[in-house]
């Protein structure tokens, strides 16, 4: 048993990783499912089966208010947290007495969890989130090709060459590692809760602007996190000629800026290799399937979303030209046919079917300057908008 102590509102919390009395190395694997861009796992929380988002980019676990009521948990603690939008907020907290993953010998006892008053993961069929603090005494392996997670007790280091590794650049449990952007060093957080490849915080853009090629600027709608919805923001789409993580190099990475505590490296990394995180030794391993991967550029100058009324509206604009289209403008027609009414949850998990029938769609958008026609592409091969 390994014990760590944290202080919150003058209370000491006992946080335990239990290996059920065994001293030998323990290991076990369980599957994950991608729902939209979220990694979903089955867990037992205090003996009750639930589905949680598996998110290495979050420090703490989170649980919905509904689960707190169901399990009779007491939210007597308060924690100041910084969410994915870099917003500081105060959250109630509970202690999860026991967390188990399917098929695992080990379990996790006495871990803190933030209480989500509004379940931001409801569309993904999840009741909470697993963060890195729960994994801090394990070795985590994520195999994207097999959609499988392996957790191992950390008596010995992984059997992966140190040539494929890079150390955490900050103390603590968060997998923040050094990357090279055209030979400029930038700390990046590996965030399995982010479905893309790389997201750049504005401070890192400013520090590396001399080696970055700006492709476009635009207005993007703020995302939703535990602290609420962020405001619309000016964002840049830039190209990094050479991006390196450990020994793997990616070329022509097209990246967008967004407010966050760190630049983020997301789940798309698993399309090109396997990730292992040795939390106790603060070491990140990446085993690429190939070297010098050329990345595909984003398809569209516009991002779309479904509004609360079920309409399709513009969420963001990426264009080097003044088109007159702004976030919030409504899509009236798709390929000449009136746009219908759509379900928001379906749109972020399986996509909009009316846009998946063709590789190129003609949208008619109502703007302040009249009706504008634009082309919106859909990548049928990869199933991505």
Protein backbone atom coordinates (compact mmCIF):
# COMPACT_ATOMS: atom_id res chain seq x y z
CA UNK A 1 0.00 0.00 0.00
CA UNK A 2 1.30 3.44 -0.96
CA UNK A 3 0.10 6.48 0.95
CA UNK A 4 0.12 10.12 -0.08
CA UNK A 5 -1.31 13.09 1.83
CA UNK A 6 -2.96 16.20 0.38
CA UNK A 7 -4.22 19.29 2.21
CA UNK A 8 -7.64 20.79 1.45
CA UNK A 9 -9.49 23.13 3.84
CA UNK A 10 -7.25 22.14 6.75
CA UNK A 11 -8.13 18.47 6.25
CA UNK A 12 -5.62 15.75 5.46
CA UNK A 13 -6.93 13.23 2.95
CA UNK A 14 -5.57 9.71 2.98
CA UNK A 15 -5.10 8.54 -0.60
CA UNK A 16 -4.30 4.87 -1.10
CA UNK A 17 -3.45 2.59 -3.98
CA UNK A 18 -4.30 -0.95 -2.89
CA UNK A 19 -2.72 -4.06 -4.41
CA UNK A 20 -4.79 -6.41 -2.24
CA UNK A 21 -1.86 -7.59 -0.15
CA UNK A 22 0.35 -8.77 -3.01
CA UNK A 23 4.01 -7.76 -3.27
CA UNK A 24 4.72 -8.99 -6.80
CA UNK A 25 4.25 -6.92 -9.92
CA UNK A 26 0.57 -6.65 -10.83
CA UNK A 27 -0.81 -5.90 -14.26
CA UNK A 28 -4.14 -5.94 -16.02
CA UNK A 29 -5.78 -4.63 -19.18
CA UNK A 30 -9.22 -3.33 -20.04
CA UNK A 31 -10.78 -1.90 -23.21
CA UNK A 32 -11.79 1.65 -23.91
CA UNK A 33 -14.36 2.99 -26.34
CA UNK A 34 -14.17 6.20 -28.33
CA UNK A 35 -17.47 8.09 -28.12
CA UNK A 36 -17.04 11.17 -30.25
CA UNK A 37 -13.60 12.38 -29.23
CA UNK A 38 -13.77 11.05 -25.66
CA UNK A 39 -12.10 7.94 -24.29
CA UNK A 40 -14.71 6.03 -22.24
CA UNK A 41 -14.00 3.21 -19.75
CA UNK A 42 -16.17 1.06 -17.50
CA UNK A 43 -15.42 1.39 -13.79
CA UNK A 44 -16.95 0.42 -10.47
CA UNK A 45 -17.30 3.34 -8.08
CA UNK A 46 -17.91 2.06 -4.53
CA UNK A 47 -19.15 -1.16 -6.11
CA UNK A 48 -21.57 0.49 -8.59
CA UNK A 49 -20.79 0.15 -12.33
CA UNK A 50 -20.42 3.45 -14.18
CA UNK A 51 -18.85 4.82 -17.37
CA UNK A 52 -16.16 7.46 -17.01
CA UNK A 53 -14.03 9.58 -19.33
CA UNK A 54 -10.36 8.53 -19.08
CA UNK A 55 -8.45 11.82 -19.05
CA UNK A 56 -4.72 12.09 -18.37
CA UNK A 57 -4.99 15.86 -18.90
CA UNK A 58 -7.07 16.27 -15.74
CA UNK A 59 -5.34 16.05 -12.39
CA UNK A 60 -8.35 15.13 -10.25
CA UNK A 61 -11.23 12.75 -10.80
CA UNK A 62 -14.72 14.21 -11.30
CA UNK A 63 -18.14 12.76 -10.64
CA UNK A 64 -21.66 13.96 -11.45
CA UNK A 65 -24.00 15.27 -8.78
CA UNK A 66 -26.40 12.41 -9.68
CA UNK A 67 -23.78 9.78 -8.77
CA UNK A 68 -22.98 11.63 -5.54
CA UNK A 69 -26.65 11.34 -4.55
CA UNK A 70 -26.88 7.70 -5.69
CA UNK A 71 -23.87 6.66 -3.62
CA UNK A 72 -24.75 8.85 -0.63
CA UNK A 73 -21.40 10.66 -0.71
CA UNK A 74 -20.76 13.73 1.44
CA UNK A 75 -19.36 16.80 -0.35
CA UNK A 76 -17.81 18.37 2.75
CA UNK A 77 -14.61 19.51 1.00
CA UNK A 78 -13.92 22.45 -1.31
CA UNK A 79 -11.11 22.76 -3.85
CA UNK A 80 -9.89 25.61 -6.05
CA UNK A 81 -9.27 24.20 -9.56
CA UNK A 82 -8.13 25.50 -12.94
CA UNK A 83 -10.19 23.95 -15.75
CA UNK A 84 -9.34 23.21 -19.40
CA UNK A 85 -10.22 26.81 -20.35
CA UNK A 86 -7.71 28.16 -17.81
CA UNK A 87 -10.55 29.37 -15.58
CA UNK A 88 -10.16 29.17 -11.82
CA UNK A 89 -13.25 27.93 -10.06
CA UNK A 90 -14.29 26.56 -6.67
CA UNK A 91 -15.73 23.06 -6.62
CA UNK A 92 -17.25 20.81 -3.99
CA UNK A 93 -15.45 17.51 -3.46
CA UNK A 94 -16.15 13.96 -2.30
CA UNK A 95 -13.99 10.96 -1.43
CA UNK A 96 -14.38 7.83 -3.59
CA UNK A 97 -13.84 4.93 -1.21
CA UNK A 98 -13.10 2.41 -3.95
CA UNK A 99 -12.46 2.59 -7.72
CA UNK A 100 -12.02 -0.57 -9.79
CA UNK A 101 -11.43 -1.13 -13.50
CA UNK A 102 -12.90 -4.23 -15.15
CA UNK A 103 -10.63 -7.28 -14.90
CA UNK A 104 -8.02 -5.58 -12.67
CA UNK A 105 -6.54 -7.18 -9.54
CA UNK A 106 -5.61 -3.82 -8.05
CA UNK A 107 -8.06 -1.19 -6.90
CA UNK A 108 -7.82 2.45 -5.82
CA UNK A 109 -9.05 3.67 -2.45
CA UNK A 110 -9.79 7.03 -0.87
CA UNK A 111 -9.42 9.34 -3.88
CA UNK A 112 -10.71 12.88 -4.15
CA UNK A 113 -13.23 13.74 -6.86
CA UNK A 114 -14.70 17.07 -7.94
CA UNK A 115 -18.49 17.24 -8.01
CA UNK A 116 -19.94 18.32 -11.39
CA UNK A 117 -23.17 20.19 -10.72
CA UNK A 118 -23.89 19.98 -14.45
CA UNK A 119 -22.71 16.74 -16.06
CA UNK A 120 -20.68 18.00 -19.03
CA UNK A 121 -20.09 14.38 -20.13
CA UNK A 122 -23.76 13.40 -20.33
CA UNK A 123 -23.74 13.34 -24.15
CA UNK A 124 -20.95 10.76 -24.04
CA UNK A 125 -22.89 8.48 -21.70
CA UNK A 126 -20.40 9.13 -18.88
CA UNK A 127 -20.96 9.99 -15.23
CA UNK A 128 -17.52 11.35 -14.43
CA UNK A 129 -13.84 11.49 -15.22
CA UNK A 130 -10.70 9.58 -14.24
CA UNK A 131 -7.73 11.93 -13.79
CA UNK A 132 -3.98 11.42 -13.45
CA UNK A 133 -3.95 11.62 -9.64
CA UNK A 134 -5.67 8.24 -9.44
CA UNK A 135 -2.99 6.72 -11.72
CA UNK A 136 -0.02 8.30 -9.93
CA UNK A 137 1.44 5.04 -8.53
CA UNK A 138 1.05 3.00 -11.72
CA UNK A 139 2.54 2.53 -15.16
CA UNK A 140 -0.08 3.33 -17.80
CA UNK A 141 0.05 1.97 -21.36
CA UNK A 142 -2.44 3.09 -24.03
CA UNK A 143 -2.57 1.01 -27.21
CA UNK A 144 -4.68 2.88 -29.74
CA UNK A 145 -4.50 0.11 -32.35
CA UNK A 146 -6.17 -2.34 -29.95
CA UNK A 147 -8.25 0.23 -28.01
CA UNK A 148 -6.75 -1.14 -24.83
CA UNK A 149 -5.42 0.31 -21.56
CA UNK A 150 -2.92 -1.59 -19.40
CA UNK A 151 -2.13 -0.61 -15.80
CA UNK A 152 0.87 -2.09 -13.99
CA UNK A 153 2.21 -1.67 -10.48
CA UNK A 154 5.50 0.19 -10.68
CA UNK A 155 8.06 -1.98 -8.86
CA UNK A 156 10.09 -2.07 -12.08
CA UNK A 157 10.38 0.31 -15.02
CA UNK A 158 8.63 -0.55 -18.32
CA UNK A 159 10.42 -2.82 -20.80
CA UNK A 160 10.67 0.00 -23.32
CA UNK A 161 13.92 1.49 -24.54
CA UNK A 162 14.87 4.72 -22.81
CA UNK A 163 15.62 6.04 -26.30
CA UNK A 164 11.84 6.19 -26.78
CA UNK A 165 11.31 8.21 -23.59
CA UNK A 166 11.31 11.77 -22.31
CA UNK A 167 11.04 12.92 -18.70
CA UNK A 168 8.29 15.00 -17.16
CA UNK A 169 9.44 18.61 -17.09
CA UNK A 170 7.44 19.56 -13.98
CA UNK A 171 7.08 17.86 -10.62
CA UNK A 172 3.78 16.24 -9.74
CA UNK A 173 1.53 13.70 -11.43
CA UNK A 174 0.73 15.51 -14.69
CA UNK A 175 2.42 14.06 -17.84
CA UNK A 176 3.94 17.35 -19.04
CA UNK A 177 6.91 16.65 -21.32
CA UNK A 178 9.33 18.57 -23.47
CA UNK A 179 8.61 18.77 -27.21
CA UNK A 180 10.55 20.49 -29.96
CA UNK A 181 8.86 22.86 -32.39
CA UNK A 182 11.43 23.48 -35.11
CA UNK A 183 14.10 22.96 -32.40
CA UNK A 184 12.42 25.30 -29.90
CA UNK A 185 11.62 23.60 -26.58
CA UNK A 186 7.95 23.73 -25.51
CA UNK A 187 6.34 21.87 -22.54
CA UNK A 188 3.22 19.99 -23.63
CA UNK A 189 0.63 18.09 -21.57
CA UNK A 190 -0.42 14.68 -22.89
CA UNK A 191 -4.20 14.93 -22.59
CA UNK A 192 -6.25 11.84 -23.48
CA UNK A 193 -9.36 13.98 -22.97
CA UNK A 194 -8.45 16.03 -26.07
CA UNK A 195 -9.42 14.32 -29.32
CA UNK A 196 -7.09 16.21 -31.65
CA UNK A 197 -3.34 16.04 -32.24
CA UNK A 198 -1.99 19.30 -30.83
CA UNK A 199 -3.53 22.43 -29.35
CA UNK A 200 -1.34 25.47 -28.73
CA UNK A 201 -1.77 27.92 -25.89
CA UNK A 202 -1.28 31.59 -26.90
CA UNK A 203 1.80 32.02 -24.68
CA UNK A 204 3.62 29.24 -26.57
CA UNK A 205 2.60 30.80 -29.86
CA UNK A 206 4.15 34.09 -28.79
CA UNK A 207 7.36 32.36 -27.64
CA UNK A 208 7.72 30.41 -30.90
CA UNK A 209 6.20 32.86 -33.40
CA UNK A 210 9.53 33.27 -35.23
CA UNK A 211 9.45 29.63 -36.41
CA UNK A 212 5.70 29.31 -36.99
CA UNK A 213 3.84 29.98 -40.22
CA UNK A 214 0.47 31.69 -39.64
CA UNK A 215 -2.08 30.23 -42.05
CA UNK A 216 -5.20 32.03 -40.83
CA UNK A 217 -6.78 33.98 -37.99
CA UNK A 218 -10.36 33.64 -36.90
CA UNK A 219 -12.99 33.87 -34.20
CA UNK A 220 -13.75 30.62 -32.40
CA UNK A 221 -16.52 29.81 -29.96
CA UNK A 222 -15.38 29.05 -26.41
CA UNK A 223 -15.47 25.45 -25.22
CA UNK A 224 -17.28 24.08 -22.16
CA UNK A 225 -15.38 22.80 -19.12
CA UNK A 226 -16.00 22.36 -15.39
CA UNK A 227 -15.79 26.11 -14.83
CA UNK A 228 -18.42 26.80 -17.50
CA UNK A 229 -18.28 28.05 -21.08
CA UNK A 230 -15.36 30.16 -22.23
CA UNK A 231 -15.91 33.38 -24.18
CA UNK A 232 -15.43 33.56 -27.94
CA UNK A 233 -11.79 34.18 -28.74
CA UNK A 234 -9.43 35.27 -31.48
CA UNK A 235 -7.45 32.23 -32.51
CA UNK A 236 -4.70 31.44 -35.00
CA UNK A 237 -4.14 28.44 -37.23
CA UNK A 238 -0.41 27.92 -37.71
CA UNK A 239 1.93 25.33 -39.19
CA UNK A 240 4.87 23.75 -37.35
CA UNK A 241 7.31 22.43 -39.97
CA UNK A 242 8.85 19.92 -37.55
CA UNK A 243 7.30 18.71 -34.28
CA UNK A 244 9.22 16.21 -32.13
CA UNK A 245 8.07 14.16 -29.13
CA UNK A 246 10.73 11.85 -27.63
CA UNK A 247 12.32 10.25 -30.74
CA UNK A 248 9.32 10.68 -33.06
CA UNK A 249 9.12 13.52 -35.58
CA UNK A 250 5.97 14.86 -37.25
CA UNK A 251 6.10 17.29 -40.16
CA UNK A 252 3.68 20.00 -41.27
CA UNK A 253 1.58 19.93 -38.09
CA UNK A 254 -1.27 22.44 -38.47
CA UNK A 255 -2.22 23.66 -34.99
CA UNK A 256 -4.83 26.01 -33.58
CA UNK A 257 -4.38 28.24 -30.56
CA UNK A 258 -6.74 28.02 -27.60
CA UNK A 259 -6.72 29.17 -24.00
CA UNK A 260 -5.42 26.40 -21.69
CA UNK A 261 -2.93 26.04 -18.83
CA UNK A 262 -0.59 24.15 -21.22
CA UNK A 263 -0.35 23.28 -24.88
CA UNK A 264 -2.03 19.89 -25.32
CA UNK A 265 -1.04 16.72 -27.13
CA UNK A 266 -4.14 14.60 -27.69
CA UNK A 267 -5.55 11.26 -28.75
CA UNK A 268 -4.54 11.61 -32.42
CA UNK A 269 -1.00 10.82 -31.24
CA UNK A 270 -2.20 7.24 -30.72
CA UNK A 271 -2.93 6.90 -34.44
CA UNK A 272 0.83 6.91 -35.01
CA UNK A 273 2.25 5.04 -32.01
CA UNK A 274 1.84 3.64 -28.49
CA UNK A 275 2.04 5.69 -25.29
CA UNK A 276 3.38 4.48 -21.93
CA UNK A 277 3.47 6.73 -18.86
CA UNK A 278 5.58 5.71 -15.87
CA UNK A 279 4.00 8.04 -13.32
CA UNK A 280 6.23 7.26 -10.28
CA UNK A 281 9.44 7.73 -12.32
CA UNK A 282 7.93 10.74 -14.13
CA UNK A 283 8.78 9.32 -17.55
CA UNK A 284 6.80 9.38 -20.81
CA UNK A 285 7.44 6.79 -23.56
CA UNK A 286 6.29 7.03 -27.15
CA UNK A 287 6.83 4.11 -29.56
CA UNK A 288 5.97 5.33 -33.08
CA UNK A 289 4.79 2.94 -35.78
CA UNK A 290 6.88 4.91 -38.29
CA UNK A 291 9.28 7.83 -38.43
CA UNK A 292 8.86 11.36 -39.81
CA UNK A 293 5.07 11.30 -40.19
CA UNK A 294 3.52 13.97 -42.40
CA UNK A 295 0.26 15.12 -40.84
CA UNK A 296 -2.93 15.94 -42.71
CA UNK A 297 -4.11 19.55 -42.61
CA UNK A 298 -7.62 20.49 -41.37
CA UNK A 299 -10.27 20.35 -44.07
CA UNK A 300 -12.45 23.39 -43.53
CA UNK A 301 -12.39 27.13 -42.94
CA UNK A 302 -15.54 26.83 -40.81
CA UNK A 303 -16.50 24.80 -37.75
CA UNK A 304 -20.16 24.02 -37.08
CA UNK A 305 -22.29 23.09 -34.08
CA UNK A 306 -25.90 22.36 -33.21
CA UNK A 307 -27.58 25.12 -31.20
CA UNK A 308 -29.93 24.63 -28.24
CA UNK A 309 -32.82 24.98 -30.72
CA UNK A 310 -31.50 22.18 -32.95
CA UNK A 311 -30.28 24.45 -35.76
CA UNK A 312 -26.82 24.13 -37.35
CA UNK A 313 -24.85 27.31 -36.72
CA UNK A 314 -21.30 28.45 -37.33
CA UNK A 315 -19.07 27.89 -34.27
CA UNK A 316 -15.83 29.23 -35.72
CA UNK A 317 -14.40 30.87 -38.80
CA UNK A 318 -10.99 30.12 -40.31
CA UNK A 319 -10.45 32.21 -43.39
CA UNK A 320 -7.76 34.42 -44.85
CA UNK A 321 -10.48 36.32 -46.70
CA UNK A 322 -13.29 38.52 -45.37
CA UNK A 323 -16.31 36.31 -45.99
CA UNK A 324 -18.78 38.09 -43.73
CA UNK A 325 -19.56 34.82 -41.92
CA UNK A 326 -19.49 35.04 -38.11
CA UNK A 327 -19.99 32.58 -35.22
CA UNK A 328 -23.71 32.16 -34.59
CA UNK A 329 -24.74 32.50 -38.27
CA UNK A 330 -27.31 29.84 -39.19
CA UNK A 331 -26.96 27.19 -41.91
CA UNK A 332 -30.17 27.36 -43.95
CA UNK A 333 -29.53 24.73 -46.63
CA UNK A 334 -27.27 21.74 -47.20
CA UNK A 335 -26.73 20.80 -50.85
CA UNK A 336 -29.82 22.74 -51.85
CA UNK A 337 -32.13 21.16 -49.26
CA UNK A 338 -33.40 22.96 -46.14
CA UNK A 339 -31.41 22.08 -43.05
CA UNK A 340 -33.37 20.08 -40.51
CA UNK A 341 -33.52 19.99 -36.72
CA UNK A 342 -30.66 18.09 -35.11
CA UNK A 343 -29.77 16.56 -31.75
CA UNK A 344 -26.79 18.22 -30.06
CA UNK A 345 -25.49 15.06 -28.38
CA UNK A 346 -25.67 13.10 -31.62
CA UNK A 347 -23.76 15.85 -33.42
CA UNK A 348 -20.75 15.63 -31.08
CA UNK A 349 -20.67 11.84 -30.80
CA UNK A 350 -21.57 10.44 -34.24
CA UNK A 351 -21.61 13.61 -36.34
CA UNK A 352 -24.22 15.22 -38.58
CA UNK A 353 -25.52 12.63 -41.05
CA UNK A 354 -26.60 15.26 -43.57
CA UNK A 355 -22.93 16.24 -43.95
CA UNK A 356 -21.64 12.67 -44.17
CA UNK A 357 -23.26 11.73 -47.47
CA UNK A 358 -20.79 13.61 -49.65
CA UNK A 359 -17.10 14.47 -49.49
CA UNK A 360 -18.01 18.07 -50.43
CA UNK A 361 -21.15 19.84 -49.26
CA UNK A 362 -22.48 23.22 -50.34
CA UNK A 363 -23.84 25.17 -47.37
CA UNK A 364 -26.04 28.25 -47.60
CA UNK A 365 -25.45 30.40 -44.53
CA UNK A 366 -27.52 33.39 -43.39
CA UNK A 367 -25.21 36.29 -42.52
CA UNK A 368 -25.66 39.97 -41.74
CA UNK A 369 -24.72 40.65 -45.38
CA UNK A 370 -27.12 38.14 -46.90
CA UNK A 371 -26.93 34.48 -47.91
CA UNK A 372 -23.41 33.11 -48.42
CA UNK A 373 -22.50 29.82 -50.09
CA UNK A 374 -19.46 27.89 -48.88
CA UNK A 375 -18.03 24.40 -49.44
CA UNK A 376 -17.77 22.14 -46.38
CA UNK A 377 -15.71 18.93 -46.72
CA UNK A 378 -16.19 15.58 -44.99
CA UNK A 379 -13.44 12.96 -44.82
CA UNK A 380 -15.34 9.72 -45.40
CA UNK A 381 -12.23 7.58 -45.10
CA UNK A 382 -11.45 8.65 -41.56
CA UNK A 383 -14.98 9.51 -40.51
CA UNK A 384 -14.07 12.97 -39.37
CA UNK A 385 -15.60 16.34 -39.99
